[in-house]
Amino acid sequence: MSNPPTGEPDVCHRSRSSCPCSCRHPLARSLDAYLHERTSGLIGSLSQLVREAAIEAIDSGAERITKRLLDSVELDHTVEQARTKKTPKKRTRRTKAA
C-alpha cells in the first residue's frame, strides 16, 4: 500500500488514544462521536451508513459526504429504534387559556 501525499500511513495500528499521528480520515475526525451514536457503535451499521451515503453522494453529483447526507440515510431497524429512543422529544410551549 502506498502512503497518502501527506506521508502519513494508510492504516494506523495503534489505539486511537495512543496514536500521535493524525492518520484518521477527516470525516472520522470531525464526526466520530456522531457516527458512533448514530450507529450504536455497530461496525455493520457504520459500514452501511458510509456506503449508502457514498452512493448517494456520487449519484447526486455532490461527491461529498456531509452530516446532512448522513442524516438522510435510513439504517437497519435496531439502530433506528435505538436512535429514536435517544432523541429527546421537542417540547411545545403551552399557551395560557384566556
PDB file of N, CA and C in Angstrom:
ATOM      1  N   MET A   1       0.845  -1.185   0.000  1.00  0.00           N
ATOM      2  CA  MET A   1       0.000   0.000   0.000  1.00  0.00           C
ATOM      3  C   MET A   1       0.884   1.240   0.000  1.00  0.00           C
ATOM      4  N   SER A   2       0.522   2.210  -0.775  1.00  0.00           N
ATOM      5  CA  SER A   2       1.310   3.428  -0.807  1.00  0.00           C
ATOM      6  C   SER A   2       0.796   4.418   0.224  1.00  0.00           C
ATOM      7  N   ASN A   3       1.672   5.303   0.638  1.00  0.00           N
ATOM      8  CA  ASN A   3       1.294   6.328   1.603  1.00  0.00           C
ATOM      9  C   ASN A   3       0.556   7.456   0.903  1.00  0.00           C
ATOM     10  N   PRO A   4      -0.369   8.109   1.609  1.00  0.00           N
ATOM     11  CA  PRO A   4      -1.043   9.268   1.034  1.00  0.00           C
ATOM     12  C   PRO A   4      -0.033  10.393   0.821  1.00  0.00           C
ATOM     13  N   PRO A   5      -0.385  11.431   0.062  1.00  0.00           N
ATOM     14  CA  PRO A   5       0.538  12.522  -0.223  1.00  0.00           C
ATOM     15  C   PRO A   5       1.130  13.178   1.023  1.00  0.00           C
ATOM     16  N   THR A   6       0.444  13.125   2.139  1.00  0.00           N
ATOM     17  CA  THR A   6       0.943  13.763   3.364  1.00  0.00           C
ATOM     18  C   THR A   6       2.061  12.962   4.005  1.00  0.00           C
ATOM     19  N   GLY A   7       2.300  11.738   3.539  1.00  0.00           N
ATOM     20  CA  GLY A   7       3.333  10.909   4.126  1.00  0.00           C
ATOM     21  C   GLY A   7       2.849  10.122   5.327  1.00  0.00           C
ATOM     22  N   GLU A   8       1.564  10.272   5.683  1.00  0.00           N
ATOM     23  CA  GLU A   8       1.021   9.532   6.812  1.00  0.00           C
ATOM     24  C   GLU A   8       0.695   8.115   6.380  1.00  0.00           C
ATOM     25  N   PRO A   9       0.730   7.155   7.289  1.00  0.00           N
ATOM     26  CA  PRO A   9       0.422   5.774   6.918  1.00  0.00           C
ATOM     27  C   PRO A   9      -1.038   5.624   6.535  1.00  0.00           C
ATOM     28  N   ASP A  10      -1.320   4.641   5.658  1.00  0.00           N
ATOM     29  CA  ASP A  10      -2.703   4.367   5.260  1.00  0.00           C
ATOM     30  C   ASP A  10      -3.523   3.889   6.443  1.00  0.00           C
ATOM     31  N   VAL A  11      -2.945   3.035   7.258  1.00  0.00           N
ATOM     32  CA  VAL A  11      -3.656   2.465   8.391  1.00  0.00           C
ATOM     33  C   VAL A  11      -2.777   2.582   9.626  1.00  0.00           C
ATOM     34  N   CYS A  12      -3.347   3.014  10.703  1.00  0.00           N
ATOM     35  CA  CYS A  12      -2.602   3.098  11.952  1.00  0.00           C
ATOM     36  C   CYS A  12      -3.030   1.926  12.823  1.00  0.00           C
ATOM     37  N   HIS A  13      -2.071   1.184  13.313  1.00  0.00           N
ATOM     38  CA  HIS A  13      -2.389   0.007  14.116  1.00  0.00           C
ATOM     39  C   HIS A  13      -2.349   0.296  15.609  1.00  0.00           C
ATOM     40  N   ARG A  14      -2.201   1.534  16.004  1.00  0.00           N
ATOM     41  CA  ARG A  14      -2.213   1.909  17.413  1.00  0.00           C
ATOM     42  C   ARG A  14      -3.645   2.243  17.825  1.00  0.00           C
ATOM     43  N   SER A  15      -3.880   2.187  19.124  1.00  0.00           N
ATOM     44  CA  SER A  15      -5.207   2.587  19.581  1.00  0.00           C
ATOM     45  C   SER A  15      -5.342   4.085  19.383  1.00  0.00           C
ATOM     46  N   ARG A  16      -6.553   4.548  19.244  1.00  0.00           N
ATOM     47  CA  ARG A  16      -6.801   5.960  18.953  1.00  0.00           C
ATOM     48  C   ARG A  16      -6.212   6.867  20.021  1.00  0.00           C
ATOM     49  N   SER A  17      -6.294   6.475  21.292  1.00  0.00           N
ATOM     50  CA  SER A  17      -5.806   7.333  22.364  1.00  0.00           C
ATOM     51  C   SER A  17      -4.285   7.428  22.392  1.00  0.00           C
ATOM     52  N   SER A  18      -3.576   6.413  21.885  1.00  0.00           N
ATOM     53  CA  SER A  18      -2.121   6.456  21.920  1.00  0.00           C
ATOM     54  C   SER A  18      -1.506   6.796  20.572  1.00  0.00           C
ATOM     55  N   CYS A  19      -2.320   7.131  19.596  1.00  0.00           N
ATOM     56  CA  CYS A  19      -1.820   7.421  18.251  1.00  0.00           C
ATOM     57  C   CYS A  19      -1.388   8.886  18.158  1.00  0.00           C
ATOM     58  N   PRO A  20      -0.104   9.149  17.942  1.00  0.00           N
ATOM     59  CA  PRO A  20       0.357  10.534  17.856  1.00  0.00           C
ATOM     60  C   PRO A  20       0.118  11.157  16.482  1.00  0.00           C
ATOM     61  N   CYS A  21      -0.172  10.329  15.485  1.00  0.00           N
ATOM     62  CA  CYS A  21      -0.359  10.874  14.137  1.00  0.00           C
ATOM     63  C   CYS A  21      -1.820  11.248  13.912  1.00  0.00           C
ATOM     64  N   SER A  22      -2.045  11.976  12.861  1.00  0.00           N
ATOM     65  CA  SER A  22      -3.425  12.340  12.515  1.00  0.00           C
ATOM     66  C   SER A  22      -3.821  11.565  11.269  1.00  0.00           C
ATOM     67  N   CYS A  23      -3.699  10.239  11.344  1.00  0.00           N
ATOM     68  CA  CYS A  23      -3.907   9.413  10.157  1.00  0.00           C
ATOM     69  C   CYS A  23      -5.364   9.082   9.895  1.00  0.00           C
ATOM     70  N   ARG A  24      -6.255   9.466  10.806  1.00  0.00           N
ATOM     71  CA  ARG A  24      -7.660   9.159  10.561  1.00  0.00           C
ATOM     72  C   ARG A  24      -8.226  10.070   9.485  1.00  0.00           C
ATOM     73  N   HIS A  25      -9.213   9.563   8.780  1.00  0.00           N
ATOM     74  CA  HIS A  25      -9.861  10.314   7.705  1.00  0.00           C
ATOM     75  C   HIS A  25     -10.548  11.554   8.286  1.00  0.00           C
ATOM     76  N   PRO A  26     -10.562  12.680   7.556  1.00  0.00           N
ATOM     77  CA  PRO A  26     -11.204  13.901   8.061  1.00  0.00           C
ATOM     78  C   PRO A  26     -12.661  13.695   8.469  1.00  0.00           C
ATOM     79  N   LEU A  27     -13.397  12.843   7.764  1.00  0.00           N
ATOM     80  CA  LEU A  27     -14.788  12.570   8.122  1.00  0.00           C
ATOM     81  C   LEU A  27     -14.858  11.968   9.517  1.00  0.00           C
ATOM     82  N   ALA A  28     -13.977  11.034   9.795  1.00  0.00           N
ATOM     83  CA  ALA A  28     -13.965  10.395  11.109  1.00  0.00           C
ATOM     84  C   ALA A  28     -13.510  11.366  12.186  1.00  0.00           C
ATOM     85  N   ARG A  29     -12.558  12.231  11.881  1.00  0.00           N
ATOM     86  CA  ARG A  29     -12.075  13.192  12.879  1.00  0.00           C
ATOM     87  C   ARG A  29     -13.159  14.171  13.282  1.00  0.00           C
ATOM     88  N   SER A  30     -13.970  14.615  12.335  1.00  0.00           N
ATOM     89  CA  SER A  30     -14.958  15.638  12.656  1.00  0.00           C
ATOM     90  C   SER A  30     -16.293  15.070  13.126  1.00  0.00           C
ATOM     91  N   LEU A  31     -16.592  13.826  12.772  1.00  0.00           N
ATOM     92  CA  LEU A  31     -17.900  13.260  13.097  1.00  0.00           C
ATOM     93  C   LEU A  31     -17.817  11.972  13.907  1.00  0.00           C
ATOM     94  N   ASP A  32     -16.699  11.726  14.579  1.00  0.00           N
ATOM     95  CA  ASP A  32     -16.532  10.443  15.256  1.00  0.00           C
ATOM     96  C   ASP A  32     -17.612  10.179  16.308  1.00  0.00           C
ATOM     97  N   ALA A  33     -17.929  11.157  17.129  1.00  0.00           N
ATOM     98  CA  ALA A  33     -18.966  10.959  18.155  1.00  0.00           C
ATOM     99  C   ALA A  33     -20.336  10.751  17.505  1.00  0.00           C
ATOM    100  N   TYR A  34     -20.626  11.537  16.462  1.00  0.00           N
ATOM    101  CA  TYR A  34     -21.896  11.406  15.747  1.00  0.00           C
ATOM    102  C   TYR A  34     -22.022  10.010  15.129  1.00  0.00           C
ATOM    103  N   LEU A  35     -20.961   9.554  14.460  1.00  0.00           N
ATOM    104  CA  LEU A  35     -21.000   8.252  13.801  1.00  0.00           C
ATOM    105  C   LEU A  35     -21.200   7.131  14.811  1.00  0.00           C
ATOM    106  N   HIS A  36     -20.557   7.238  15.952  1.00  0.00           N
ATOM    107  CA  HIS A  36     -20.711   6.204  16.985  1.00  0.00           C
ATOM    108  C   HIS A  36     -22.126   6.210  17.540  1.00  0.00           C
ATOM    109  N   GLU A  37     -22.646   7.389  17.833  1.00  0.00           N
ATOM    110  CA  GLU A  37     -24.010   7.494  18.369  1.00  0.00           C
ATOM    111  C   GLU A  37     -25.026   7.033  17.332  1.00  0.00           C
ATOM    112  N   ARG A  38     -24.839   7.443  16.103  1.00  0.00           N
ATOM    113  CA  ARG A  38     -25.797   7.138  15.037  1.00  0.00           C
ATOM    114  C   ARG A  38     -25.889   5.648  14.754  1.00  0.00           C
ATOM    115  N   THR A  39     -24.756   4.936  14.881  1.00  0.00           N
ATOM    116  CA  THR A  39     -24.710   3.519  14.543  1.00  0.00           C
ATOM    117  C   THR A  39     -24.719   2.617  15.772  1.00  0.00           C
ATOM    118  N   SER A  40     -24.878   3.211  16.936  1.00  0.00           N
ATOM    119  CA  SER A  40     -24.836   2.478  18.209  1.00  0.00           C
ATOM    120  C   SER A  40     -23.530   1.695  18.363  1.00  0.00           C
ATOM    121  N   GLY A  41     -22.487   2.156  17.705  1.00  0.00           N
ATOM    122  CA  GLY A  41     -21.191   1.507  17.795  1.00  0.00           C
ATOM    123  C   GLY A  41     -21.076   0.203  17.033  1.00  0.00           C
ATOM    124  N   LEU A  42     -22.036  -0.086  16.169  1.00  0.00           N
ATOM    125  CA  LEU A  42     -22.031  -1.345  15.419  1.00  0.00           C
ATOM    126  C   LEU A  42     -21.322  -1.161  14.082  1.00  0.00           C
ATOM    127  N   ILE A  43     -20.293  -1.946  13.848  1.00  0.00           N
ATOM    128  CA  ILE A  43     -19.475  -1.792  12.647  1.00  0.00           C
ATOM    129  C   ILE A  43     -20.273  -2.050  11.369  1.00  0.00           C
ATOM    130  N   GLY A  44     -21.196  -2.984  11.401  1.00  0.00           N
ATOM    131  CA  GLY A  44     -22.023  -3.254  10.223  1.00  0.00           C
ATOM    132  C   GLY A  44     -22.897  -2.060   9.867  1.00  0.00           C
ATOM    133  N   SER A  45     -23.449  -1.414  10.886  1.00  0.00           N
ATOM    134  CA  SER A  45     -24.282  -0.234  10.652  1.00  0.00           C
ATOM    135  C   SER A  45     -23.439   0.931  10.165  1.00  0.00           C
ATOM    136  N   LEU A  46     -22.229   1.068  10.695  1.00  0.00           N
ATOM    137  CA  LEU A  46     -21.324   2.116  10.223  1.00  0.00           C
ATOM    138  C   LEU A  46     -20.977   1.896   8.751  1.00  0.00           C
ATOM    139  N   SER A  47     -20.683   0.663   8.402  1.00  0.00           N
ATOM    140  CA  SER A  47     -20.357   0.332   7.021  1.00  0.00           C
ATOM    141  C   SER A  47     -21.534   0.651   6.099  1.00  0.00           C
ATOM    142  N   GLN A  48     -22.734   0.279   6.518  1.00  0.00           N
ATOM    143  CA  GLN A  48     -23.941   0.552   5.727  1.00  0.00           C
ATOM    144  C   GLN A  48     -24.147   2.058   5.575  1.00  0.00           C
ATOM    145  N   LEU A  49     -23.973   2.802   6.655  1.00  0.00           N
ATOM    146  CA  LEU A  49     -24.174   4.246   6.633  1.00  0.00           C
ATOM    147  C   LEU A  49     -23.217   4.922   5.651  1.00  0.00           C
ATOM    148  N   VAL A  50     -21.937   4.602   5.761  1.00  0.00           N
ATOM    149  CA  VAL A  50     -20.949   5.234   4.897  1.00  0.00           C
ATOM    150  C   VAL A  50     -21.136   4.802   3.441  1.00  0.00           C
ATOM    151  N   ARG A  51     -21.419   3.520   3.231  1.00  0.00           N
ATOM    152  CA  ARG A  51     -21.609   3.014   1.863  1.00  0.00           C
ATOM    153  C   ARG A  51     -22.801   3.696   1.189  1.00  0.00           C
ATOM    154  N   GLU A  52     -23.944   3.748   1.884  1.00  0.00           N
ATOM    155  CA  GLU A  52     -25.131   4.358   1.287  1.00  0.00           C
ATOM    156  C   GLU A  52     -24.960   5.858   1.084  1.00  0.00           C
ATOM    157  N   ALA A  53     -24.275   6.514   2.010  1.00  0.00           N
ATOM    158  CA  ALA A  53     -24.015   7.946   1.850  1.00  0.00           C
ATOM    159  C   ALA A  53     -23.084   8.189   0.658  1.00  0.00           C
ATOM    160  N   ALA A  54     -22.091   7.326   0.486  1.00  0.00           N
ATOM    161  CA  ALA A  54     -21.172   7.474  -0.649  1.00  0.00           C
ATOM    162  C   ALA A  54     -21.902   7.287  -1.976  1.00  0.00           C
ATOM    163  N   ILE A  55     -22.768   6.301  -2.043  1.00  0.00           N
ATOM    164  CA  ILE A  55     -23.542   6.066  -3.268  1.00  0.00           C
ATOM    165  C   ILE A  55     -24.424   7.269  -3.572  1.00  0.00           C
ATOM    166  N   GLU A  56     -25.088   7.796  -2.558  1.00  0.00           N
ATOM    167  CA  GLU A  56     -25.958   8.960  -2.751  1.00  0.00           C
ATOM    168  C   GLU A  56     -25.140  10.184  -3.176  1.00  0.00           C
ATOM    169  N   ALA A  57     -23.954  10.361  -2.578  1.00  0.00           N
ATOM    170  CA  ALA A  57     -23.099  11.499  -2.941  1.00  0.00           C
ATOM    171  C   ALA A  57     -22.674  11.413  -4.402  1.00  0.00           C
ATOM    172  N   ILE A  58     -22.369  10.218  -4.864  1.00  0.00           N
ATOM    173  CA  ILE A  58     -21.973  10.030  -6.262  1.00  0.00           C
ATOM    174  C   ILE A  58     -23.165  10.231  -7.187  1.00  0.00           C
ATOM    175  N   ASP A  59     -24.294   9.593  -6.853  1.00  0.00           N
ATOM    176  CA  ASP A  59     -25.494   9.689  -7.703  1.00  0.00           C
ATOM    177  C   ASP A  59     -26.006  11.131  -7.825  1.00  0.00           C
ATOM    178  N   SER A  60     -25.909  11.891  -6.724  1.00  0.00           N
ATOM    179  CA  SER A  60     -26.421  13.261  -6.739  1.00  0.00           C
ATOM    180  C   SER A  60     -25.454  14.241  -7.397  1.00  0.00           C
ATOM    181  N   GLY A  61     -24.216  13.798  -7.587  1.00  0.00           N
ATOM    182  CA  GLY A  61     -23.207  14.684  -8.171  1.00  0.00           C
ATOM    183  C   GLY A  61     -22.485  15.529  -7.140  1.00  0.00           C
ATOM    184  N   ALA A  62     -22.895  15.438  -5.886  1.00  0.00           N
ATOM    185  CA  ALA A  62     -22.256  16.225  -4.825  1.00  0.00           C
ATOM    186  C   ALA A  62     -20.828  15.756  -4.564  1.00  0.00           C
ATOM    187  N   GLU A  63     -20.618  14.451  -4.672  1.00  0.00           N
ATOM    188  CA  GLU A  63     -19.302  13.845  -4.470  1.00  0.00           C
ATOM    189  C   GLU A  63     -18.701  14.196  -3.120  1.00  0.00           C
ATOM    190  N   ARG A  64     -19.545  14.440  -2.116  1.00  0.00           N
ATOM    191  CA  ARG A  64     -19.072  14.779  -0.778  1.00  0.00           C
ATOM    192  C   ARG A  64     -20.057  14.225   0.245  1.00  0.00           C
ATOM    193  N   ILE A  65     -19.522  13.567   1.266  1.00  0.00           N
ATOM    194  CA  ILE A  65     -20.356  13.064   2.352  1.00  0.00           C
ATOM    195  C   ILE A  65     -20.403  14.122   3.441  1.00  0.00           C
ATOM    196  N   THR A  66     -21.595  14.578   3.747  1.00  0.00           N
ATOM    197  CA  THR A  66     -21.789  15.593   4.784  1.00  0.00           C
ATOM    198  C   THR A  66     -22.670  15.025   5.889  1.00  0.00           C
ATOM    199  N   LYS A  67     -22.730  15.731   7.002  1.00  0.00           N
ATOM    200  CA  LYS A  67     -23.585  15.291   8.106  1.00  0.00           C
ATOM    201  C   LYS A  67     -25.047  15.286   7.656  1.00  0.00           C
ATOM    202  N   ARG A  68     -25.442  16.271   6.883  1.00  0.00           N
ATOM    203  CA  ARG A  68     -26.822  16.326   6.373  1.00  0.00           C
ATOM    204  C   ARG A  68     -27.139  15.088   5.533  1.00  0.00           C
ATOM    205  N   LEU A  69     -26.186  14.681   4.700  1.00  0.00           N
ATOM    206  CA  LEU A  69     -26.367  13.490   3.879  1.00  0.00           C
ATOM    207  C   LEU A  69     -26.433  12.247   4.761  1.00  0.00           C
ATOM    208  N   LEU A  70     -25.564  12.158   5.753  1.00  0.00           N
ATOM    209  CA  LEU A  70     -25.581  11.013   6.668  1.00  0.00           C
ATOM    210  C   LEU A  70     -26.914  10.939   7.414  1.00  0.00           C
ATOM    211  N   ASP A  71     -27.448  12.098   7.803  1.00  0.00           N
ATOM    212  CA  ASP A  71     -28.742  12.129   8.497  1.00  0.00           C
ATOM    213  C   ASP A  71     -29.870  11.593   7.625  1.00  0.00           C
ATOM    214  N   SER A  72     -29.732  11.729   6.318  1.00  0.00           N
ATOM    215  CA  SER A  72     -30.803  11.297   5.415  1.00  0.00           C
ATOM    216  C   SER A  72     -30.798   9.794   5.148  1.00  0.00           C
ATOM    217  N   VAL A  73     -29.726   9.108   5.523  1.00  0.00           N
ATOM    218  CA  VAL A  73     -29.629   7.666   5.290  1.00  0.00           C
ATOM    219  C   VAL A  73     -30.370   6.922   6.388  1.00  0.00           C
ATOM    220  N   GLU A  74     -31.269   6.037   5.976  1.00  0.00           N
ATOM    221  CA  GLU A  74     -32.011   5.220   6.942  1.00  0.00           C
ATOM    222  C   GLU A  74     -31.238   3.929   7.177  1.00  0.00           C
ATOM    223  N   LEU A  75     -31.018   3.614   8.439  1.00  0.00           N
ATOM    224  CA  LEU A  75     -30.266   2.407   8.798  1.00  0.00           C
ATOM    225  C   LEU A  75     -31.204   1.277   9.189  1.00  0.00           C
ATOM    226  N   ASP A  76     -30.619   0.160   9.605  1.00  0.00           N
ATOM    227  CA  ASP A  76     -31.422  -1.002   9.977  1.00  0.00           C
ATOM    228  C   ASP A  76     -32.335  -0.689  11.161  1.00  0.00           C
ATOM    229  N   HIS A  77     -33.354  -1.475  11.314  1.00  0.00           N
ATOM    230  CA  HIS A  77     -34.414  -1.247  12.296  1.00  0.00           C
ATOM    231  C   HIS A  77     -33.874  -1.108  13.720  1.00  0.00           C
ATOM    232  N   THR A  78     -32.954  -1.964  14.125  1.00  0.00           N
ATOM    233  CA  THR A  78     -32.434  -1.949  15.500  1.00  0.00           C
ATOM    234  C   THR A  78     -31.761  -0.628  15.817  1.00  0.00           C
ATOM    235  N   VAL A  79     -30.924  -0.155  14.918  1.00  0.00           N
ATOM    236  CA  VAL A  79     -30.207   1.096  15.143  1.00  0.00           C
ATOM    237  C   VAL A  79     -31.160   2.278  15.116  1.00  0.00           C
ATOM    238  N   GLU A  80     -32.095   2.293  14.192  1.00  0.00           N
ATOM    239  CA  GLU A  80     -33.058   3.392  14.111  1.00  0.00           C
ATOM    240  C   GLU A  80     -33.941   3.437  15.358  1.00  0.00           C
ATOM    241  N   GLN A  81     -34.329   2.275  15.879  1.00  0.00           N
ATOM    242  CA  GLN A  81     -35.123   2.234  17.111  1.00  0.00           C
ATOM    243  C   GLN A  81     -34.328   2.818  18.274  1.00  0.00           C
ATOM    244  N   ALA A  82     -33.067   2.451  18.394  1.00  0.00           N
ATOM    245  CA  ALA A  82     -32.213   2.978  19.459  1.00  0.00           C
ATOM    246  C   ALA A  82     -32.054   4.487  19.308  1.00  0.00           C
ATOM    247  N   ARG A  83     -31.964   4.947  18.081  1.00  0.00           N
ATOM    248  CA  ARG A  83     -31.793   6.381  17.821  1.00  0.00           C
ATOM    249  C   ARG A  83     -33.036   7.168  18.232  1.00  0.00           C
ATOM    250  N   THR A  84     -34.218   6.660  17.921  1.00  0.00           N
ATOM    251  CA  THR A  84     -35.434   7.392  18.264  1.00  0.00           C
ATOM    252  C   THR A  84     -35.663   7.423  19.771  1.00  0.00           C
ATOM    253  N   LYS A  85     -35.199   6.400  20.474  1.00  0.00           N
ATOM    254  CA  LYS A  85     -35.328   6.396  21.933  1.00  0.00           C
ATOM    255  C   LYS A  85     -34.405   7.428  22.573  1.00  0.00           C
ATOM    256  N   LYS A  86     -33.229   7.675  21.954  1.00  0.00           N
ATOM    257  CA  LYS A  86     -32.258   8.621  22.493  1.00  0.00           C
ATOM    258  C   LYS A  86     -32.604  10.059  22.154  1.00  0.00           C
ATOM    259  N   THR A  87     -33.349  10.275  21.073  1.00  0.00           N
ATOM    260  CA  THR A  87     -33.674  11.619  20.632  1.00  0.00           C
ATOM    261  C   THR A  87     -34.750  12.207  21.535  1.00  0.00           C
ATOM    262  N   PRO A  88     -34.425  13.305  22.228  1.00  0.00           N
ATOM    263  CA  PRO A  88     -35.437  13.900  23.108  1.00  0.00           C
ATOM    264  C   PRO A  88     -36.577  14.500  22.295  1.00  0.00           C
ATOM    265  N   LYS A  89     -37.772  14.378  22.843  1.00  0.00           N
ATOM    266  CA  LYS A  89     -38.931  14.945  22.174  1.00  0.00           C
ATOM    267  C   LYS A  89     -38.904  16.456  22.325  1.00  0.00           C
ATOM    268  N   LYS A  90     -39.319  17.147  21.268  1.00  0.00           N
ATOM    269  CA  LYS A  90     -39.380  18.600  21.327  1.00  0.00           C
ATOM    270  C   LYS A  90     -40.577  18.995  22.169  1.00  0.00           C
ATOM    271  N   ARG A  91     -40.341  19.938  23.043  1.00  0.00           N
ATOM    272  CA  ARG A  91     -41.434  20.428  23.883  1.00  0.00           C
ATOM    273  C   ARG A  91     -42.105  21.601  23.187  1.00  0.00           C
ATOM    274  N   THR A  92     -43.391  21.626  23.305  1.00  0.00           N
ATOM    275  CA  THR A  92     -44.123  22.763  22.764  1.00  0.00           C
ATOM    276  C   THR A  92     -44.585  23.607  23.933  1.00  0.00           C
ATOM    277  N   ARG A  93     -44.586  24.868  23.733  1.00  0.00           N
ATOM    278  CA  ARG A  93     -44.970  25.793  24.789  1.00  0.00           C
ATOM    279  C   ARG A  93     -46.493  25.876  24.848  1.00  0.00           C
ATOM    280  N   ARG A  94     -46.984  25.708  26.022  1.00  0.00           N
ATOM    281  CA  ARG A  94     -48.433  25.812  26.208  1.00  0.00           C
ATOM    282  C   ARG A  94     -48.836  27.265  26.277  1.00  0.00           C
ATOM    283  N   THR A  95     -49.941  27.579  25.672  1.00  0.00           N
ATOM    284  CA  THR A  95     -50.452  28.954  25.751  1.00  0.00           C
ATOM    285  C   THR A  95     -51.444  29.009  26.890  1.00  0.00           C
ATOM    286  N   LYS A  96     -51.454  30.138  27.554  1.00  0.00           N
ATOM    287  CA  LYS A  96     -52.377  30.314  28.668  1.00  0.00           C
ATOM    288  C   LYS A  96     -53.795  30.499  28.130  1.00  0.00           C
ATOM    289  N   ALA A  97     -54.713  29.845  28.819  1.00  0.00           N
ATOM    290  CA  ALA A  97     -56.124  29.970  28.421  1.00  0.00           C
ATOM    291  C   ALA A  97     -56.629  31.339  28.829  1.00  0.00           C
ATOM    292  N   ALA A  98     -57.414  31.954  27.973  1.00  0.00           N
ATOM    293  CA  ALA A  98     -57.915  33.306  28.253  1.00  0.00           C
ATOM    294  C   ALA A  98     -59.085  33.299  29.180  1.00  0.00           C
TER     295      ALA A  98
END
